[in-house]
PDB file of N, CA and C in Angstrom:
ATOM      1  N   MET A   1       0.845  -1.167   0.000  1.00  0.00           N
ATOM      2  CA  MET A   1       0.000   0.000   0.000  1.00  0.00           C
ATOM      3  C   MET A   1       0.897   1.238   0.000  1.00  0.00           C
ATOM      4  N   SER A   2       0.621   2.162  -0.868  1.00  0.00           N
ATOM      5  CA  SER A   2       1.425   3.382  -0.966  1.00  0.00           C
ATOM      6  C   SER A   2       1.270   4.257   0.267  1.00  0.00           C
ATOM      7  N   THR A   3       2.334   4.980   0.559  1.00  0.00           N
ATOM      8  CA  THR A   3       2.331   5.997   1.607  1.00  0.00           C
ATOM      9  C   THR A   3       2.651   7.320   0.940  1.00  0.00           C
ATOM     10  N   TYR A   4       1.971   8.369   1.400  1.00  0.00           N
ATOM     11  CA  TYR A   4       2.136   9.681   0.799  1.00  0.00           C
ATOM     12  C   TYR A   4       2.734  10.660   1.799  1.00  0.00           C
ATOM     13  N   LEU A   5       3.714  11.402   1.349  1.00  0.00           N
ATOM     14  CA  LEU A   5       4.243  12.520   2.110  1.00  0.00           C
ATOM     15  C   LEU A   5       3.473  13.750   1.649  1.00  0.00           C
ATOM     16  N   VAL A   6       2.895  14.453   2.606  1.00  0.00           N
ATOM     17  CA  VAL A   6       2.183  15.691   2.314  1.00  0.00           C
ATOM     18  C   VAL A   6       2.877  16.794   3.087  1.00  0.00           C
ATOM     19  N   ASN A   7       3.324  17.811   2.381  1.00  0.00           N
ATOM     20  CA  ASN A   7       3.997  18.950   3.004  1.00  0.00           C
ATOM     21  C   ASN A   7       3.206  20.210   2.692  1.00  0.00           C
ATOM     22  N   HIS A   8       2.617  20.795   3.728  1.00  0.00           N
ATOM     23  CA  HIS A   8       1.989  22.114   3.591  1.00  0.00           C
ATOM     24  C   HIS A   8       3.112  23.111   3.822  1.00  0.00           C
ATOM     25  N   LEU A   9       3.585  23.704   2.759  1.00  0.00           N
ATOM     26  CA  LEU A   9       4.824  24.478   2.749  1.00  0.00           C
ATOM     27  C   LEU A   9       4.555  25.964   2.618  1.00  0.00           C
ATOM     28  N   ARG A  10       5.186  26.735   3.491  1.00  0.00           N
ATOM     29  CA  ARG A  10       5.126  28.191   3.398  1.00  0.00           C
ATOM     30  C   ARG A  10       6.557  28.738   3.384  1.00  0.00           C
ATOM     31  N   ILE A  11       6.883  29.441   2.309  1.00  0.00           N
ATOM     32  CA  ILE A  11       8.192  30.093   2.198  1.00  0.00           C
ATOM     33  C   ILE A  11       7.951  31.589   2.330  1.00  0.00           C
ATOM     34  N   PRO A  12       8.352  32.158   3.460  1.00  0.00           N
ATOM     35  CA  PRO A  12       8.141  33.604   3.606  1.00  0.00           C
ATOM     36  C   PRO A  12       9.015  34.384   2.631  1.00  0.00           C
ATOM     37  N   GLY A  13       8.396  35.264   1.864  1.00  0.00           N
ATOM     38  CA  GLY A  13       9.159  36.079   0.919  1.00  0.00           C
ATOM     39  C   GLY A  13       9.587  35.301  -0.306  1.00  0.00           C
ATOM     40  N   VAL A  14      10.636  35.768  -0.922  1.00  0.00           N
ATOM     41  CA  VAL A  14      11.198  35.164  -2.130  1.00  0.00           C
ATOM     42  C   VAL A  14      12.115  34.011  -1.717  1.00  0.00           C
ATOM     43  N   PRO A  15      12.055  32.863  -2.410  1.00  0.00           N
ATOM     44  CA  PRO A  15      12.957  31.762  -2.061  1.00  0.00           C
ATOM     45  C   PRO A  15      14.418  32.212  -2.046  1.00  0.00           C
ATOM     46  N   GLU A  16      15.133  31.780  -1.007  1.00  0.00           N
ATOM     47  CA  GLU A  16      16.543  32.126  -0.858  1.00  0.00           C
ATOM     48  C   GLU A  16      17.416  31.035  -1.466  1.00  0.00           C
ATOM     49  N   GLU A  17      18.701  31.278  -1.518  1.00  0.00           N
ATOM     50  CA  GLU A  17      19.650  30.329  -2.092  1.00  0.00           C
ATOM     51  C   GLU A  17      19.519  28.951  -1.452  1.00  0.00           C
ATOM     52  N   GLU A  18      19.321  28.903  -0.129  1.00  0.00           N
ATOM     53  CA  GLU A  18      19.213  27.632   0.568  1.00  0.00           C
ATOM     54  C   GLU A  18      17.978  26.860   0.115  1.00  0.00           C
ATOM     55  N   ASN A  19      16.867  27.559  -0.130  1.00  0.00           N
ATOM     56  CA  ASN A  19      15.665  26.903  -0.634  1.00  0.00           C
ATOM     57  C   ASN A  19      15.930  26.263  -1.997  1.00  0.00           C
ATOM     58  N   LEU A  20      16.617  26.995  -2.844  1.00  0.00           N
ATOM     59  CA  LEU A  20      16.919  26.493  -4.180  1.00  0.00           C
ATOM     60  C   LEU A  20      17.907  25.332  -4.122  1.00  0.00           C
ATOM     61  N   ALA A  21      18.902  25.419  -3.245  1.00  0.00           N
ATOM     62  CA  ALA A  21      19.865  24.331  -3.078  1.00  0.00           C
ATOM     63  C   ALA A  21      19.158  23.060  -2.603  1.00  0.00           C
ATOM     64  N   TYR A  22      18.183  23.217  -1.706  1.00  0.00           N
ATOM     65  CA  TYR A  22      17.401  22.073  -1.238  1.00  0.00           C
ATOM     66  C   TYR A  22      16.684  21.413  -2.415  1.00  0.00           C
ATOM     67  N   LEU A  23      15.993  22.221  -3.213  1.00  0.00           N
ATOM     68  CA  LEU A  23      15.265  21.679  -4.361  1.00  0.00           C
ATOM     69  C   LEU A  23      16.188  20.960  -5.341  1.00  0.00           C
ATOM     70  N   GLU A  24      17.381  21.486  -5.519  1.00  0.00           N
ATOM     71  CA  GLU A  24      18.333  20.880  -6.449  1.00  0.00           C
ATOM     72  C   GLU A  24      18.836  19.525  -5.948  1.00  0.00           C
ATOM     73  N   GLN A  25      18.780  19.284  -4.637  1.00  0.00           N
ATOM     74  CA  GLN A  25      19.344  18.066  -4.068  1.00  0.00           C
ATOM     75  C   GLN A  25      18.310  17.035  -3.597  1.00  0.00           C
ATOM     76  N   VAL A  26      17.102  17.466  -3.259  1.00  0.00           N
ATOM     77  CA  VAL A  26      16.153  16.576  -2.588  1.00  0.00           C
ATOM     78  C   VAL A  26      15.678  15.419  -3.469  1.00  0.00           C
ATOM     79  N   GLU A  27      15.486  15.656  -4.738  1.00  0.00           N
ATOM     80  CA  GLU A  27      14.967  14.593  -5.599  1.00  0.00           C
ATOM     81  C   GLU A  27      15.884  13.374  -5.631  1.00  0.00           C
ATOM     82  N   ALA A  28      17.178  13.613  -5.630  1.00  0.00           N
ATOM     83  CA  ALA A  28      18.127  12.499  -5.621  1.00  0.00           C
ATOM     84  C   ALA A  28      18.000  11.660  -4.350  1.00  0.00           C
ATOM     85  N   THR A  29      17.597  12.284  -3.243  1.00  0.00           N
ATOM     86  CA  THR A  29      17.455  11.520  -2.003  1.00  0.00           C
ATOM     87  C   THR A  29      16.201  10.650  -2.024  1.00  0.00           C
ATOM     88  N   THR A  30      15.166  11.059  -2.737  1.00  0.00           N
ATOM     89  CA  THR A  30      13.932  10.267  -2.772  1.00  0.00           C
ATOM     90  C   THR A  30      14.013   9.122  -3.775  1.00  0.00           C
ATOM     91  N   ALA A  31      14.800   9.277  -4.824  1.00  0.00           N
ATOM     92  CA  ALA A  31      14.848   8.293  -5.903  1.00  0.00           C
ATOM     93  C   ALA A  31      15.236   6.905  -5.399  1.00  0.00           C
ATOM     94  N   HIS A  32      16.230   6.831  -4.536  1.00  0.00           N
ATOM     95  CA  HIS A  32      16.707   5.545  -4.000  1.00  0.00           C
ATOM     96  C   HIS A  32      15.602   4.826  -3.220  1.00  0.00           C
ATOM     97  N   TYR A  33      14.639   5.566  -2.707  1.00  0.00           N
ATOM     98  CA  TYR A  33      13.567   4.999  -1.881  1.00  0.00           C
ATOM     99  C   TYR A  33      12.247   4.881  -2.649  1.00  0.00           C
ATOM    100  N   GLY A  34      12.303   5.008  -3.947  1.00  0.00           N
ATOM    101  CA  GLY A  34      11.112   4.845  -4.771  1.00  0.00           C
ATOM    102  C   GLY A  34      10.146   6.006  -4.689  1.00  0.00           C
ATOM    103  N   GLY A  35      10.638   7.169  -4.235  1.00  0.00           N
ATOM    104  CA  GLY A  35       9.780   8.344  -4.129  1.00  0.00           C
ATOM    105  C   GLY A  35       9.364   8.854  -5.495  1.00  0.00           C
ATOM    106  N   LYS A  36       8.075   9.063  -5.656  1.00  0.00           N
ATOM    107  CA  LYS A  36       7.526   9.566  -6.921  1.00  0.00           C
ATOM    108  C   LYS A  36       6.865  10.905  -6.640  1.00  0.00           C
ATOM    109  N   TRP A  37       7.364  11.948  -7.271  1.00  0.00           N
ATOM    110  CA  TRP A  37       6.839  13.301  -7.064  1.00  0.00           C
ATOM    111  C   TRP A  37       5.520  13.438  -7.806  1.00  0.00           C
ATOM    112  N   LEU A  38       4.460  13.782  -7.070  1.00  0.00           N
ATOM    113  CA  LEU A  38       3.128  13.903  -7.650  1.00  0.00           C
ATOM    114  C   LEU A  38       2.670  15.350  -7.775  1.00  0.00           C
ATOM    115  N   ALA A  39       3.098  16.214  -6.844  1.00  0.00           N
ATOM    116  CA  ALA A  39       2.714  17.624  -6.904  1.00  0.00           C
ATOM    117  C   ALA A  39       3.748  18.451  -6.167  1.00  0.00           C
ATOM    118  N   ILE A  40       4.024  19.629  -6.704  1.00  0.00           N
ATOM    119  CA  ILE A  40       4.874  20.595  -6.013  1.00  0.00           C
ATOM    120  C   ILE A  40       4.486  21.985  -6.496  1.00  0.00           C
ATOM    121  N   ASP A  41       4.108  22.810  -5.557  1.00  0.00           N
ATOM    122  CA  ASP A  41       3.800  24.216  -5.810  1.00  0.00           C
ATOM    123  C   ASP A  41       2.758  24.426  -6.901  1.00  0.00           C
ATOM    124  N   GLY A  42       1.875  23.444  -7.065  1.00  0.00           N
ATOM    125  CA  GLY A  42       0.795  23.610  -8.028  1.00  0.00           C
ATOM    126  C   GLY A  42      -0.259  24.555  -7.480  1.00  0.00           C
ATOM    127  N   GLU A  43      -1.152  24.951  -8.337  1.00  0.00           N
ATOM    128  CA  GLU A  43      -2.228  25.838  -7.903  1.00  0.00           C
ATOM    129  C   GLU A  43      -3.087  25.105  -6.879  1.00  0.00           C
ATOM    130  N   VAL A  44      -3.317  25.756  -5.751  1.00  0.00           N
ATOM    131  CA  VAL A  44      -4.168  25.205  -4.702  1.00  0.00           C
ATOM    132  C   VAL A  44      -5.493  25.946  -4.739  1.00  0.00           C
ATOM    133  N   GLN A  45      -6.562  25.233  -4.905  1.00  0.00           N
ATOM    134  CA  GLN A  45      -7.889  25.833  -4.871  1.00  0.00           C
ATOM    135  C   GLN A  45      -8.516  25.468  -3.532  1.00  0.00           C
ATOM    136  N   VAL A  46      -8.631  26.444  -2.654  1.00  0.00           N
ATOM    137  CA  VAL A  46      -9.150  26.222  -1.314  1.00  0.00           C
ATOM    138  C   VAL A  46     -10.674  26.182  -1.386  1.00  0.00           C
ATOM    139  N   LEU A  47     -11.246  25.067  -0.979  1.00  0.00           N
ATOM    140  CA  LEU A  47     -12.701  24.907  -0.976  1.00  0.00           C
ATOM    141  C   LEU A  47     -13.298  25.171   0.400  1.00  0.00           C
ATOM    142  N   GLU A  48     -12.538  24.872   1.441  1.00  0.00           N
ATOM    143  CA  GLU A  48     -12.981  25.107   2.811  1.00  0.00           C
ATOM    144  C   GLU A  48     -11.758  25.477   3.640  1.00  0.00           C
ATOM    145  N   GLY A  49     -11.931  26.346   4.598  1.00  0.00           N
ATOM    146  CA  GLY A  49     -10.840  26.718   5.485  1.00  0.00           C
ATOM    147  C   GLY A  49      -9.830  27.619   4.813  1.00  0.00           C
ATOM    148  N   ALA A  50      -8.595  27.525   5.287  1.00  0.00           N
ATOM    149  CA  ALA A  50      -7.510  28.355   4.759  1.00  0.00           C
ATOM    150  C   ALA A  50      -6.320  27.460   4.420  1.00  0.00           C
ATOM    151  N   TRP A  51      -5.586  27.831   3.422  1.00  0.00           N
ATOM    152  CA  TRP A  51      -4.399  27.084   3.032  1.00  0.00           C
ATOM    153  C   TRP A  51      -3.369  28.063   2.486  1.00  0.00           C
ATOM    154  N   PRO A  52      -2.743  28.829   3.373  1.00  0.00           N
ATOM    155  CA  PRO A  52      -1.681  29.710   2.879  1.00  0.00           C
ATOM    156  C   PRO A  52      -0.473  28.874   2.477  1.00  0.00           C
ATOM    157  N   GLY A  53       0.109  29.188   1.363  1.00  0.00           N
ATOM    158  CA  GLY A  53       1.293  28.457   0.937  1.00  0.00           C
ATOM    159  C   GLY A  53       0.995  27.473  -0.172  1.00  0.00           C
ATOM    160  N   SER A  54       1.833  26.464  -0.276  1.00  0.00           N
ATOM    161  CA  SER A  54       1.722  25.486  -1.356  1.00  0.00           C
ATOM    162  C   SER A  54       1.759  24.080  -0.776  1.00  0.00           C
ATOM    163  N   VAL A  55       1.701  23.112  -1.660  1.00  0.00           N
ATOM    164  CA  VAL A  55       1.703  21.721  -1.235  1.00  0.00           C
ATOM    165  C   VAL A  55       2.733  20.939  -2.038  1.00  0.00           C
ATOM    166  N   VAL A  56       3.370  19.998  -1.350  1.00  0.00           N
ATOM    167  CA  VAL A  56       4.259  19.034  -1.988  1.00  0.00           C
ATOM    168  C   VAL A  56       3.670  17.661  -1.686  1.00  0.00           C
ATOM    169  N   LEU A  57       3.563  16.813  -2.707  1.00  0.00           N
ATOM    170  CA  LEU A  57       3.010  15.480  -2.538  1.00  0.00           C
ATOM    171  C   LEU A  57       3.965  14.481  -3.179  1.00  0.00           C
ATOM    172  N   ILE A  58       4.445  13.538  -2.381  1.00  0.00           N
ATOM    173  CA  ILE A  58       5.369  12.512  -2.866  1.00  0.00           C
ATOM    174  C   ILE A  58       4.819  11.152  -2.458  1.00  0.00           C
ATOM    175  N   GLU A  59       4.814  10.205  -3.385  1.00  0.00           N
ATOM    176  CA  GLU A  59       4.355   8.845  -3.109  1.00  0.00           C
ATOM    177  C   GLU A  59       5.560   7.939  -2.872  1.00  0.00           C
ATOM    178  N   PHE A  60       5.482   7.135  -1.820  1.00  0.00           N
ATOM    179  CA  PHE A  60       6.490   6.119  -1.524  1.00  0.00           C
ATOM    180  C   PHE A  60       5.815   4.750  -1.550  1.00  0.00           C
ATOM    181  N   PRO A  61       6.591   3.695  -1.737  1.00  0.00           N
ATOM    182  CA  PRO A  61       5.988   2.350  -1.800  1.00  0.00           C
ATOM    183  C   PRO A  61       5.224   1.952  -0.531  1.00  0.00           C
ATOM    184  N   ASP A  62       5.705   2.383   0.642  1.00  0.00           N
ATOM    185  CA  ASP A  62       5.055   2.028   1.902  1.00  0.00           C
ATOM    186  C   ASP A  62       5.603   2.919   3.012  1.00  0.00           C
ATOM    187  N   MET A  63       5.009   2.808   4.199  1.00  0.00           N
ATOM    188  CA  MET A  63       5.390   3.658   5.331  1.00  0.00           C
ATOM    189  C   MET A  63       6.848   3.448   5.740  1.00  0.00           C
ATOM    190  N   GLU A  64       7.273   2.207   5.798  1.00  0.00           N
ATOM    191  CA  GLU A  64       8.650   1.921   6.225  1.00  0.00           C
ATOM    192  C   GLU A  64       9.670   2.559   5.294  1.00  0.00           C
ATOM    193  N   THR A  65       9.408   2.493   4.001  1.00  0.00           N
ATOM    194  CA  THR A  65      10.319   3.085   3.023  1.00  0.00           C
ATOM    195  C   THR A  65      10.326   4.600   3.140  1.00  0.00           C
ATOM    196  N   ALA A  66       9.149   5.198   3.341  1.00  0.00           N
ATOM    197  CA  ALA A  66       9.075   6.652   3.502  1.00  0.00           C
ATOM    198  C   ALA A  66       9.834   7.100   4.741  1.00  0.00           C
ATOM    199  N   GLN A  67       9.691   6.373   5.833  1.00  0.00           N
ATOM    200  CA  GLN A  67      10.413   6.709   7.057  1.00  0.00           C
ATOM    201  C   GLN A  67      11.920   6.507   6.879  1.00  0.00           C
ATOM    202  N   ALA A  68      12.290   5.456   6.161  1.00  0.00           N
ATOM    203  CA  ALA A  68      13.719   5.222   5.895  1.00  0.00           C
ATOM    204  C   ALA A  68      14.310   6.378   5.095  1.00  0.00           C
ATOM    205  N   TRP A  69      13.564   6.883   4.095  1.00  0.00           N
ATOM    206  CA  TRP A  69      14.035   8.040   3.336  1.00  0.00           C
ATOM    207  C   TRP A  69      14.211   9.240   4.261  1.00  0.00           C
ATOM    208  N   TYR A  70      13.177   9.564   5.048  1.00  0.00           N
ATOM    209  CA  TYR A  70      13.232  10.751   5.906  1.00  0.00           C
ATOM    210  C   TYR A  70      14.412  10.686   6.874  1.00  0.00           C
ATOM    211  N   ASN A  71      14.687   9.508   7.408  1.00  0.00           N
ATOM    212  CA  ASN A  71      15.766   9.344   8.384  1.00  0.00           C
ATOM    213  C   ASN A  71      17.119   9.039   7.760  1.00  0.00           C
ATOM    214  N   SER A  72      17.178   8.946   6.432  1.00  0.00           N
ATOM    215  CA  SER A  72      18.432   8.580   5.762  1.00  0.00           C
ATOM    216  C   SER A  72      19.490   9.663   5.945  1.00  0.00           C
ATOM    217  N   PRO A  73      20.761   9.264   5.988  1.00  0.00           N
ATOM    218  CA  PRO A  73      21.842  10.248   6.086  1.00  0.00           C
ATOM    219  C   PRO A  73      21.815  11.259   4.934  1.00  0.00           C
ATOM    220  N   GLU A  74      21.431  10.807   3.740  1.00  0.00           N
ATOM    221  CA  GLU A  74      21.397  11.694   2.573  1.00  0.00           C
ATOM    222  C   GLU A  74      20.374  12.815   2.784  1.00  0.00           C
ATOM    223  N   TYR A  75      19.194  12.460   3.287  1.00  0.00           N
ATOM    224  CA  TYR A  75      18.172  13.488   3.494  1.00  0.00           C
ATOM    225  C   TYR A  75      18.488  14.339   4.714  1.00  0.00           C
ATOM    226  N   GLN A  76      18.936  13.711   5.775  1.00  0.00           N
ATOM    227  CA  GLN A  76      19.241  14.473   6.985  1.00  0.00           C
ATOM    228  C   GLN A  76      20.350  15.494   6.740  1.00  0.00           C
ATOM    229  N   LYS A  77      21.218  15.218   5.778  1.00  0.00           N
ATOM    230  CA  LYS A  77      22.296  16.157   5.434  1.00  0.00           C
ATOM    231  C   LYS A  77      21.754  17.464   4.851  1.00  0.00           C
ATOM    232  N   ILE A  78      20.594  17.416   4.179  1.00  0.00           N
ATOM    233  CA  ILE A  78      20.068  18.627   3.526  1.00  0.00           C
ATOM    234  C   ILE A  78      18.793  19.172   4.171  1.00  0.00           C
ATOM    235  N   ILE A  79      18.223  18.472   5.117  1.00  0.00           N
ATOM    236  CA  ILE A  79      16.928  18.876   5.664  1.00  0.00           C
ATOM    237  C   ILE A  79      16.945  20.309   6.210  1.00  0.00           C
ATOM    238  N   HIS A  80      18.067  20.703   6.771  1.00  0.00           N
ATOM    239  CA  HIS A  80      18.165  22.055   7.342  1.00  0.00           C
ATOM    240  C   HIS A  80      17.971  23.141   6.283  1.00  0.00           C
ATOM    241  N   LEU A  81      18.268  22.833   5.032  1.00  0.00           N
ATOM    242  CA  LEU A  81      18.075  23.813   3.960  1.00  0.00           C
ATOM    243  C   LEU A  81      16.596  24.150   3.787  1.00  0.00           C
ATOM    244  N   ARG A  82      15.728  23.211   4.154  1.00  0.00           N
ATOM    245  CA  ARG A  82      14.285  23.454   4.106  1.00  0.00           C
ATOM    246  C   ARG A  82      13.776  24.006   5.430  1.00  0.00           C
ATOM    247  N   THR A  83      14.136  23.362   6.524  1.00  0.00           N
ATOM    248  CA  THR A  83      13.532  23.703   7.815  1.00  0.00           C
ATOM    249  C   THR A  83      14.015  25.035   8.381  1.00  0.00           C
ATOM    250  N   ASP A  84      15.201  25.481   8.007  1.00  0.00           N
ATOM    251  CA  ASP A  84      15.719  26.747   8.532  1.00  0.00           C
ATOM    252  C   ASP A  84      15.027  27.969   7.918  1.00  0.00           C
ATOM    253  N   ARG A  85      14.410  27.809   6.743  1.00  0.00           N
ATOM    254  CA  ARG A  85      13.888  28.972   6.031  1.00  0.00           C
ATOM    255  C   ARG A  85      12.446  28.829   5.554  1.00  0.00           C
ATOM    256  N   THR A  86      11.754  27.820   6.048  1.00  0.00           N
ATOM    257  CA  THR A  86      10.364  27.627   5.668  1.00  0.00           C
ATOM    258  C   THR A  86       9.543  27.230   6.884  1.00  0.00           C
ATOM    259  N   VAL A  87       8.260  27.287   6.715  1.00  0.00           N
ATOM    260  CA  VAL A  87       7.333  26.730   7.693  1.00  0.00           C
ATOM    261  C   VAL A  87       6.669  25.560   6.994  1.00  0.00           C
ATOM    262  N   SER A  88       6.706  24.394   7.615  1.00  0.00           N
ATOM    263  CA  SER A  88       6.147  23.197   6.991  1.00  0.00           C
ATOM    264  C   SER A  88       5.338  22.400   7.990  1.00  0.00           C
ATOM    265  N   ASP A  89       4.246  21.852   7.517  1.00  0.00           N
ATOM    266  CA  ASP A  89       3.541  20.789   8.222  1.00  0.00           C
ATOM    267  C   ASP A  89       3.766  19.567   7.344  1.00  0.00           C
ATOM    268  N   LEU A  90       4.533  18.628   7.835  1.00  0.00           N
ATOM    269  CA  LEU A  90       4.957  17.481   7.037  1.00  0.00           C
ATOM    270  C   LEU A  90       4.394  16.220   7.668  1.00  0.00           C
ATOM    271  N   VAL A  91       3.628  15.456   6.891  1.00  0.00           N
ATOM    272  CA  VAL A  91       3.047  14.219   7.404  1.00  0.00           C
ATOM    273  C   VAL A  91       3.239  13.096   6.406  1.00  0.00           C
ATOM    274  N   LEU A  92       3.235  11.881   6.934  1.00  0.00           N
ATOM    275  CA  LEU A  92       3.173  10.681   6.116  1.00  0.00           C
ATOM    276  C   LEU A  92       1.817  10.044   6.380  1.00  0.00           C
ATOM    277  N   VAL A  93       1.148   9.619   5.321  1.00  0.00           N
ATOM    278  CA  VAL A  93      -0.164   8.998   5.473  1.00  0.00           C
ATOM    279  C   VAL A  93      -0.272   7.818   4.512  1.00  0.00           C
ATOM    280  N   ASP A  94      -0.764   6.697   5.045  1.00  0.00           N
ATOM    281  CA  ASP A  94      -0.982   5.531   4.195  1.00  0.00           C
ATOM    282  C   ASP A  94      -2.181   5.753   3.303  1.00  0.00           C
ATOM    283  N   GLY A  95      -2.079   5.278   2.082  1.00  0.00           N
ATOM    284  CA  GLY A  95      -3.214   5.293   1.180  1.00  0.00           C
ATOM    285  C   GLY A  95      -4.195   4.198   1.571  1.00  0.00           C
ATOM    286  N   VAL A  96      -5.296   4.131   0.879  1.00  0.00           N
ATOM    287  CA  VAL A  96      -6.295   3.097   1.144  1.00  0.00           C
ATOM    288  C   VAL A  96      -6.096   1.943   0.174  1.00  0.00           C
ATOM    289  N   SER A  97      -6.627   0.779   0.532  1.00  0.00           N
ATOM    290  CA  SER A  97      -6.514  -0.385  -0.339  1.00  0.00           C
ATOM    291  C   SER A  97      -7.411  -0.213  -1.557  1.00  0.00           C
ATOM    292  N   SER A  98      -7.171  -1.009  -2.564  1.00  0.00           N
ATOM    293  CA  SER A  98      -7.923  -0.874  -3.819  1.00  0.00           C
ATOM    294  C   SER A  98      -9.405  -1.204  -3.654  1.00  0.00           C
ATOM    295  N   ASP A  99      -9.763  -1.939  -2.597  1.00  0.00           N
ATOM    296  CA  ASP A  99     -11.165  -2.274  -2.382  1.00  0.00           C
ATOM    297  C   ASP A  99     -11.853  -1.362  -1.356  1.00  0.00           C
ATOM    298  N   PHE A 100     -11.216  -0.255  -0.999  1.00  0.00           N
ATOM    299  CA  PHE A 100     -11.774   0.675  -0.017  1.00  0.00           C
ATOM    300  C   PHE A 100     -13.050   1.327  -0.540  1.00  0.00           C
ATOM    301  N   THR A 101     -14.021   1.472   0.371  1.00  0.00           N
ATOM    302  CA  THR A 101     -15.185   2.310   0.099  1.00  0.00           C
ATOM    303  C   THR A 101     -15.467   3.117   1.358  1.00  0.00           C
ATOM    304  N   ALA A 102     -15.948   4.324   1.194  1.00  0.00           N
ATOM    305  CA  ALA A 102     -16.297   5.158   2.344  1.00  0.00           C
ATOM    306  C   ALA A 102     -17.450   4.530   3.122  1.00  0.00           C
ATOM    307  N   ALA A 103     -18.400   3.912   2.414  1.00  0.00           N
ATOM    308  CA  ALA A 103     -19.522   3.258   3.086  1.00  0.00           C
ATOM    309  C   ALA A 103     -19.033   2.081   3.939  1.00  0.00           C
ATOM    310  N   GLY A 104     -18.068   1.341   3.425  1.00  0.00           N
ATOM    311  CA  GLY A 104     -17.501   0.236   4.199  1.00  0.00           C
ATOM    312  C   GLY A 104     -16.778   0.735   5.445  1.00  0.00           C
ATOM    313  N   TYR A 105     -16.108   1.853   5.317  1.00  0.00           N
ATOM    314  CA  TYR A 105     -15.423   2.457   6.460  1.00  0.00           C
ATOM    315  C   TYR A 105     -16.444   2.911   7.503  1.00  0.00           C
ATOM    316  N   ALA A 106     -17.551   3.488   7.053  1.00  0.00           N
ATOM    317  CA  ALA A 106     -18.614   3.902   7.972  1.00  0.00           C
ATOM    318  C   ALA A 106     -19.171   2.683   8.710  1.00  0.00           C
ATOM    319  N   LEU A 107     -19.308   1.569   8.015  1.00  0.00           N
ATOM    320  CA  LEU A 107     -19.796   0.332   8.639  1.00  0.00           C
ATOM    321  C   LEU A 107     -18.836  -0.130   9.741  1.00  0.00           C
ATOM    322  N   GLN A 108     -17.539  -0.055   9.475  1.00  0.00           N
ATOM    323  CA  GLN A 108     -16.539  -0.405  10.490  1.00  0.00           C
ATOM    324  C   GLN A 108     -16.654   0.510  11.703  1.00  0.00           C
ATOM    325  N   LEU A 109     -16.821   1.795  11.459  1.00  0.00           N
ATOM    326  CA  LEU A 109     -16.955   2.746  12.563  1.00  0.00           C
ATOM    327  C   LEU A 109     -18.215   2.467  13.381  1.00  0.00           C
ATOM    328  N   ARG A 110     -19.313   2.157  12.699  1.00  0.00           N
ATOM    329  CA  ARG A 110     -20.555   1.829  13.415  1.00  0.00           C
ATOM    330  C   ARG A 110     -20.356   0.601  14.307  1.00  0.00           C
ATOM    331  N   ALA A 111     -19.660  -0.399  13.806  1.00  0.00           N
ATOM    332  CA  ALA A 111     -19.406  -1.612  14.587  1.00  0.00           C
ATOM    333  C   ALA A 111     -18.541  -1.295  15.806  1.00  0.00           C
ATOM    334  N   THR A 112     -17.537  -0.445  15.634  1.00  0.00           N
ATOM    335  CA  THR A 112     -16.663  -0.048  16.746  1.00  0.00           C
ATOM    336  C   THR A 112     -17.447   0.723  17.799  1.00  0.00           C
ATOM    337  N   ILE A 113     -18.297   1.632  17.363  1.00  0.00           N
ATOM    338  CA  ILE A 113     -19.114   2.409  18.291  1.00  0.00           C
ATOM    339  C   ILE A 113     -20.077   1.499  19.046  1.00  0.00           C
ATOM    340  N   ALA A 114     -20.717   0.579  18.323  1.00  0.00           N
ATOM    341  CA  ALA A 114     -21.665  -0.339  18.951  1.00  0.00           C
ATOM    342  C   ALA A 114     -20.963  -1.216  19.985  1.00  0.00           C
ATOM    343  N   ALA A 115     -19.762  -1.707  19.644  1.00  0.00           N
ATOM    344  CA  ALA A 115     -19.011  -2.540  20.587  1.00  0.00           C
ATOM    345  C   ALA A 115     -18.623  -1.760  21.827  1.00  0.00           C
ATOM    346  N   ALA A 116     -18.253  -0.486  21.651  1.00  0.00           N
ATOM    347  CA  ALA A 116     -17.874   0.361  22.792  1.00  0.00           C
ATOM    348  C   ALA A 116     -19.095   0.632  23.672  1.00  0.00           C
ATOM    349  N   GLU A 117     -20.273   0.830  23.057  1.00  0.00           N
ATOM    350  CA  GLU A 117     -21.496   1.090  23.831  1.00  0.00           C
ATOM    351  C   GLU A 117     -21.942  -0.150  24.604  1.00  0.00           C
ATOM    352  N   CYS A 118     -21.730  -1.318  24.035  1.00  0.00           N
ATOM    353  CA  CYS A 118     -22.091  -2.564  24.732  1.00  0.00           C
ATOM    354  C   CYS A 118     -21.170  -2.831  25.897  1.00  0.00           C
ATOM    355  N   GLY A 119     -19.927  -2.387  25.759  1.00  0.00           N
ATOM    356  CA  GLY A 119     -18.940  -2.589  26.818  1.00  0.00           C
ATOM    357  C   GLY A 119     -19.042  -1.571  27.936  1.00  0.00           C
ATOM    358  N   SER A 120     -19.830  -0.537  27.765  1.00  0.00           N
ATOM    359  CA  SER A 120     -19.941   0.530  28.784  1.00  0.00           C
ATOM    360  C   SER A 120     -20.767   0.102  29.951  1.00  0.00           C
TER     361      SER A 120
END
């Protein structure tokens, strides 16, 4: 099951040299771990709430591989180029299986709630 890195990225002002150096180096660190870049700084259309900044979306084969990339010496060597000059909310999230349905998920939640109410 794929795991996705989602970065809500805010770069105050004009990107600095360090931001550009990070971009020039980061892709090479993800390639070894099967990272596939899906979105970066694309147009964000806010439908609800607020979303100042941009989004970066990278797909990894699984959670373990994504964590291995993040903790790798190659990435840790350059991470400061991003974190020192940006504001980021960075998360890893597992995708859903190919047979996922929202209705099926609701059914699971109903069963969990019912079991908790019976146990009370």
